[in-house]
């Protein structure tokens, strides 16, 4: 018996048993084994729990699990209670961006976010974040980065701390000082992989700032449909904070190679829309191609 894994790959009952056994350990979860299993894709039923562990939100020590979870629930409720008022225009934009993002998703995802309880959870988590981060300006990027956690987790505190943890990790790799050399390296590799496509995008006056920066700062959230995005994040979170961004660069190149024929037939505005709203892809294939591209371009790295 098989069912579809997010992103188009297959998962069987044996895979589910592996995660069940790892998560049911009574003393301590073996994180090395969990990362190894998660790298090949996480069973949807336990993805929310696995993400908490991989992101460092949950403690793998089972003796600390209940106390840590209770403390996080209390802290989240305190943050929610003390949050500053968020402008009504921002609240309206949040919900509109959520509707736009999920409207373009598959029926299962769209139905999930049509539910009042999902919208409530989403709004409370994002308002709690914005209301306690006055230096952070609202942008649709925040919606795109939060939606996956609202989709796969049940408790608001879990969504909040997973979301904050991910934003922190991405910010670490895409700060103003790091983003420019990261983008320069990516474009160098892009040209080395496919000079014709790279030149074509440039000739269409498509700056990498318009598409590559969102790909990096959002880890493709909001650009990929939710199901393949989750499959991709399974591998990223399994790799850990110091390795996922280097792989992400090659995943982006893999996507460009996969979509090459479509891109070469489009013009400026069509290309920009395409890169901001990528089609569903088999992420296992994209990841496999990413590793191959990394090997192909190894000679380009100083």
Protein backbone atom coordinates (compact mmCIF):
# COMPACT_ATOMS: atom_id res chain seq x y z
CA UNK A 1 0.00 0.00 0.00
CA UNK A 2 1.40 3.39 -0.98
CA UNK A 3 0.31 6.99 -0.76
CA UNK A 4 1.75 10.17 -2.20
CA UNK A 5 4.39 12.02 -0.30
CA UNK A 6 4.41 15.81 -0.57
CA UNK A 7 6.14 16.80 -3.76
CA UNK A 8 5.32 13.71 -5.80
CA UNK A 9 7.42 10.93 -4.26
CA UNK A 10 6.14 7.70 -2.78
CA UNK A 11 5.90 6.73 0.85
CA UNK A 12 4.97 3.34 2.24
CA UNK A 13 3.85 1.89 5.53
CA UNK A 14 7.43 0.99 6.46
CA UNK A 15 8.44 4.66 6.29
CA UNK A 16 5.61 5.53 8.67
CA UNK A 17 6.73 2.85 11.11
CA UNK A 18 10.27 4.29 11.12
CA UNK A 19 9.04 7.70 12.26
CA UNK A 20 6.64 6.17 14.75
CA UNK A 21 9.44 4.18 16.36
CA UNK A 22 11.81 7.14 16.45
CA UNK A 23 9.25 9.49 18.01
CA UNK A 24 7.94 6.96 20.53
CA UNK A 25 11.29 6.41 22.24
CA UNK A 26 10.56 6.77 25.95
CA UNK A 27 13.85 8.39 26.99
CA UNK A 28 15.47 10.38 24.19
CA UNK A 29 14.87 10.73 20.46
CA UNK A 30 17.87 9.80 18.36
CA UNK A 31 18.31 13.00 16.37
CA UNK A 32 20.90 11.56 13.99
CA UNK A 33 18.48 8.83 12.94
CA UNK A 34 15.59 11.29 12.75
CA UNK A 35 17.58 13.61 10.48
CA UNK A 36 18.56 10.70 8.26
CA UNK A 37 14.93 9.60 7.91
CA UNK A 38 13.60 13.14 7.42
CA UNK A 39 16.08 13.90 4.64
CA UNK A 40 14.18 11.47 2.40
CA UNK A 41 10.80 13.00 3.27
CA UNK A 42 8.63 13.14 6.37
CA UNK A 43 5.31 11.35 6.80
CA UNK A 44 2.61 14.05 6.70
CA UNK A 45 0.96 12.83 9.91
CA UNK A 46 4.07 13.56 12.00
CA UNK A 47 5.63 16.40 9.99
CA UNK A 48 4.66 19.08 12.50
CA UNK A 49 6.26 17.18 15.38
CA UNK A 50 9.38 16.37 13.36
CA UNK A 51 9.80 20.00 12.32
CA UNK A 52 9.76 21.10 15.97
CA UNK A 53 12.58 18.69 16.75
CA UNK A 54 14.66 19.51 13.68
CA UNK A 55 14.33 23.26 14.27
CA UNK A 56 15.23 22.97 17.96
CA UNK A 57 11.79 24.02 19.20
CA UNK A 58 11.21 20.69 20.99
CA UNK A 59 13.70 18.96 23.27
CA UNK A 60 14.64 15.42 22.17
CA UNK A 61 14.95 14.53 25.85
CA UNK A 62 11.52 13.09 26.65
CA UNK A 63 11.88 13.94 30.34
CA UNK A 64 11.86 17.63 29.34
CA UNK A 65 9.18 17.38 26.67
CA UNK A 66 6.11 18.21 28.75
CA UNK A 67 7.73 20.99 30.78
CA UNK A 68 9.23 22.62 27.67
CA UNK A 69 5.92 22.45 25.83
CA UNK A 70 4.00 23.87 28.77
CA UNK A 71 6.50 26.70 29.18
CA UNK A 72 6.25 27.59 25.50
CA UNK A 73 2.46 27.62 25.66
CA UNK A 74 2.58 30.00 28.63
CA UNK A 75 5.17 32.24 26.99
CA UNK A 76 3.16 32.40 23.77
CA UNK A 77 -0.01 33.36 25.63
CA UNK A 78 1.93 36.06 27.48
CA UNK A 79 3.31 37.41 24.21
CA UNK A 80 -0.16 37.38 22.70
CA UNK A 81 -1.57 39.25 25.69
CA UNK A 82 1.12 41.94 25.66
CA UNK A 83 1.32 42.47 21.90
CA UNK A 84 0.98 46.01 20.61
CA UNK A 85 -1.87 46.99 18.34
CA UNK A 86 -1.37 46.07 14.69
CA UNK A 87 -2.86 48.52 12.19
CA UNK A 88 -6.15 47.44 10.62
CA UNK A 89 -4.67 47.87 7.14
CA UNK A 90 -1.96 45.34 8.01
CA UNK A 91 -4.56 42.93 9.38
CA UNK A 92 -6.54 43.21 6.18
CA UNK A 93 -3.43 42.72 4.03
CA UNK A 94 -2.47 39.62 6.03
CA UNK A 95 -5.77 37.90 5.39
CA UNK A 96 -5.85 38.95 1.75
CA UNK A 97 -2.33 37.59 1.19
CA UNK A 98 -3.35 34.35 2.92
CA UNK A 99 -6.39 34.01 0.66
CA UNK A 100 -4.33 34.71 -2.46
CA UNK A 101 -1.63 32.21 -1.52
CA UNK A 102 -3.96 29.38 -0.53
CA UNK A 103 -6.43 30.04 -3.37
CA UNK A 104 -3.71 28.98 -5.79
CA UNK A 105 -2.99 25.79 -3.81
CA UNK A 106 -4.40 22.31 -4.33
CA UNK A 107 -7.97 21.62 -3.08
CA UNK A 108 -6.81 20.01 0.17
CA UNK A 109 -4.65 22.99 1.16
CA UNK A 110 -7.29 25.49 0.05
CA UNK A 111 -9.95 23.70 2.11
CA UNK A 112 -7.68 23.67 5.17
CA UNK A 113 -7.28 27.44 5.08
CA UNK A 114 -10.94 28.12 4.35
CA UNK A 115 -11.68 26.67 7.78
CA UNK A 116 -12.31 29.38 10.37
CA UNK A 117 -10.07 27.72 12.96
CA UNK A 118 -7.08 27.73 10.57
CA UNK A 119 -7.60 31.42 9.80
CA UNK A 120 -7.85 32.17 13.52
CA UNK A 121 -4.62 30.33 14.27
CA UNK A 122 -2.83 32.02 11.41
CA UNK A 123 -4.01 35.49 12.43
CA UNK A 124 -3.20 35.07 16.11
CA UNK A 125 0.31 33.76 15.46
CA UNK A 126 1.23 36.45 12.94
CA UNK A 127 -0.33 39.25 15.00
CA UNK A 128 1.55 38.03 18.06
CA UNK A 129 4.77 38.14 16.08
CA UNK A 130 4.16 41.59 14.58
CA UNK A 131 2.83 42.98 17.84
CA UNK A 132 6.05 42.03 19.62
CA UNK A 133 8.45 42.97 16.80
CA UNK A 134 7.86 46.69 16.17
CA UNK A 135 11.03 46.91 14.05
CA UNK A 136 9.70 44.31 11.58
CA UNK A 137 7.57 45.72 8.77
CA UNK A 138 4.79 43.55 7.43
CA UNK A 139 5.34 41.89 4.06
CA UNK A 140 3.68 38.96 2.25
CA UNK A 141 6.93 37.06 2.88
CA UNK A 142 5.82 36.58 6.50
CA UNK A 143 2.58 34.96 5.34
CA UNK A 144 4.44 32.65 2.98
CA UNK A 145 6.86 31.56 5.71
CA UNK A 146 4.14 30.98 8.32
CA UNK A 147 1.57 29.10 6.22
CA UNK A 148 3.52 25.79 6.16
CA UNK A 149 3.56 25.63 9.95
CA UNK A 150 -0.14 26.49 10.27
CA UNK A 151 -0.82 23.71 7.79
CA UNK A 152 1.16 20.94 9.50
CA UNK A 153 0.99 21.85 13.20
CA UNK A 154 -1.93 21.96 15.63
CA UNK A 155 -0.90 24.30 18.44
CA UNK A 156 -0.37 28.02 18.08
CA UNK A 157 2.75 28.03 20.26
CA UNK A 158 4.35 25.36 18.06
CA UNK A 159 3.55 27.39 14.94
CA UNK A 160 4.90 30.57 16.50
CA UNK A 161 8.21 29.20 17.72
CA UNK A 162 8.84 27.15 14.57
CA UNK A 163 8.13 30.24 12.46
CA UNK A 164 10.41 32.47 14.55
CA UNK A 165 13.14 29.87 14.52
CA UNK A 166 13.03 29.60 10.73
CA UNK A 167 13.07 33.38 10.26
CA UNK A 168 16.13 33.55 12.51
CA UNK A 169 17.93 30.86 10.52
CA UNK A 170 17.16 32.48 7.17
CA UNK A 171 18.12 35.93 8.46
CA UNK A 172 21.48 34.49 9.55
CA UNK A 173 22.24 33.45 5.97
CA UNK A 174 20.65 36.39 4.13
CA UNK A 175 21.66 39.43 6.15
CA UNK A 176 22.51 42.57 4.20
CA UNK A 177 26.23 41.71 4.48
CA UNK A 178 25.82 38.13 3.29
CA UNK A 179 23.13 38.47 0.63
CA UNK A 180 25.23 40.33 -1.95
CA UNK A 181 28.08 37.77 -2.09
CA UNK A 182 25.53 34.93 -1.90
CA UNK A 183 23.67 36.31 -4.89
CA UNK A 184 26.91 36.94 -6.81
CA UNK A 185 28.00 33.35 -6.23
CA UNK A 186 24.62 32.03 -7.32
CA UNK A 187 24.65 34.05 -10.56
CA UNK A 188 28.20 32.88 -11.28
CA UNK A 189 27.06 29.27 -10.93
CA UNK A 190 23.93 29.96 -12.97
CA UNK A 191 26.01 31.32 -15.84
CA UNK A 192 28.40 28.37 -15.59
CA UNK A 193 25.50 25.91 -15.70
CA UNK A 194 23.50 27.57 -18.49
CA UNK A 195 24.99 30.71 -20.02
CA UNK A 196 22.27 30.88 -22.67
CA UNK A 197 19.38 30.93 -20.20
CA UNK A 198 21.21 33.33 -17.88
CA UNK A 199 21.86 35.74 -20.77
CA UNK A 200 18.26 35.40 -21.95
CA UNK A 201 16.93 36.52 -18.57
CA UNK A 202 19.34 39.43 -18.57
CA UNK A 203 18.33 40.42 -22.11
CA UNK A 204 14.72 40.46 -20.92
CA UNK A 205 15.80 43.02 -18.28
CA UNK A 206 14.99 40.60 -15.49
CA UNK A 207 17.20 41.54 -12.55
CA UNK A 208 18.07 38.71 -10.15
CA UNK A 209 16.88 41.04 -7.39
CA UNK A 210 13.35 40.54 -8.72
CA UNK A 211 13.33 36.76 -8.41
CA UNK A 212 16.50 35.28 -6.86
CA UNK A 213 16.36 37.33 -3.66
CA UNK A 214 12.81 36.15 -2.82
CA UNK A 215 13.88 32.58 -3.59
CA UNK A 216 16.68 32.87 -1.04
CA UNK A 217 14.96 34.97 1.63
CA UNK A 218 11.83 32.81 1.60
CA UNK A 219 13.37 29.39 0.84
CA UNK A 220 10.89 29.30 -2.09
CA UNK A 221 7.89 29.74 0.22
CA UNK A 222 5.16 31.48 -1.74
CA UNK A 223 6.91 30.58 -5.00
CA UNK A 224 6.40 26.82 -4.89
CA UNK A 225 3.02 25.21 -4.17
CA UNK A 226 2.76 24.16 -0.53
CA UNK A 227 3.00 20.38 -0.96
CA UNK A 228 6.34 20.33 -2.84
CA UNK A 229 7.62 23.12 -0.58
CA UNK A 230 7.05 20.97 2.49
CA UNK A 231 8.89 18.07 0.87
CA UNK A 232 11.81 20.39 0.16
CA UNK A 233 11.82 21.73 3.72
CA UNK A 234 11.93 18.16 5.05
CA UNK A 235 15.41 17.84 3.59
CA UNK A 236 16.51 21.37 4.51
CA UNK A 237 15.55 21.03 8.17
CA UNK A 238 17.12 17.58 8.32
CA UNK A 239 20.43 19.01 7.09
CA UNK A 240 20.54 21.63 9.83
CA UNK A 241 21.26 25.32 10.01
CA UNK A 242 24.81 25.25 8.63
CA UNK A 243 24.15 23.15 5.53
CA UNK A 244 20.71 23.83 4.09
CA UNK A 245 21.51 27.17 2.44
CA UNK A 246 24.40 25.77 0.40
CA UNK A 247 22.08 23.05 -0.91
CA UNK A 248 19.34 25.61 -1.53
CA UNK A 249 21.55 27.36 -4.07
CA UNK A 250 21.77 24.17 -6.13
CA UNK A 251 18.06 23.45 -5.71
CA UNK A 252 17.37 26.85 -7.28
CA UNK A 253 19.69 25.96 -10.16
CA UNK A 254 17.94 22.60 -10.50
CA UNK A 255 14.58 24.36 -10.77
CA UNK A 256 15.93 26.69 -13.47
CA UNK A 257 17.27 23.75 -15.45
CA UNK A 258 13.99 21.87 -15.10
CA UNK A 259 11.96 24.89 -16.25
CA UNK A 260 14.40 25.94 -18.97
CA UNK A 261 12.17 25.25 -21.98
CA UNK A 262 9.23 27.12 -20.46
CA UNK A 263 11.37 30.12 -19.51
CA UNK A 264 12.95 30.42 -22.95
CA UNK A 265 9.50 30.79 -24.51
CA UNK A 266 8.38 33.63 -22.21
CA UNK A 267 8.93 37.38 -22.15
CA UNK A 268 9.78 39.75 -19.28
CA UNK A 269 6.50 40.02 -17.37
CA UNK A 270 5.63 36.39 -18.07
CA UNK A 271 9.04 35.21 -16.82
CA UNK A 272 8.74 37.23 -13.64
CA UNK A 273 5.28 35.81 -12.95
CA UNK A 274 6.46 32.27 -13.71
CA UNK A 275 9.41 32.50 -11.30
CA UNK A 276 7.16 33.89 -8.58
CA UNK A 277 4.51 31.17 -9.10
CA UNK A 278 6.39 28.01 -9.94
CA UNK A 279 4.50 24.90 -11.05
CA UNK A 280 4.31 21.77 -8.90
CA UNK A 281 7.43 19.64 -9.25
CA UNK A 282 8.68 16.30 -8.04
CA UNK A 283 11.04 17.54 -5.35
CA UNK A 284 12.88 14.23 -5.01
CA UNK A 285 13.96 14.68 -8.63
CA UNK A 286 14.78 18.34 -8.08
CA UNK A 287 16.94 17.43 -5.07
CA UNK A 288 18.67 14.61 -6.95
CA UNK A 289 19.43 16.98 -9.83
CA UNK A 290 20.67 19.59 -7.33
CA UNK A 291 23.28 17.21 -5.99
CA UNK A 292 24.32 16.36 -9.56
CA UNK A 293 24.65 20.04 -10.46
CA UNK A 294 26.75 20.63 -7.36
CA UNK A 295 29.15 17.92 -8.56
CA UNK A 296 29.14 19.30 -12.11
CA UNK A 297 30.03 22.80 -10.94
CA UNK A 298 32.51 21.83 -8.23
CA UNK A 299 35.35 23.22 -10.36
CA UNK A 300 33.72 26.69 -10.25
CA UNK A 301 34.01 27.00 -6.47
CA UNK A 302 37.27 28.59 -5.28
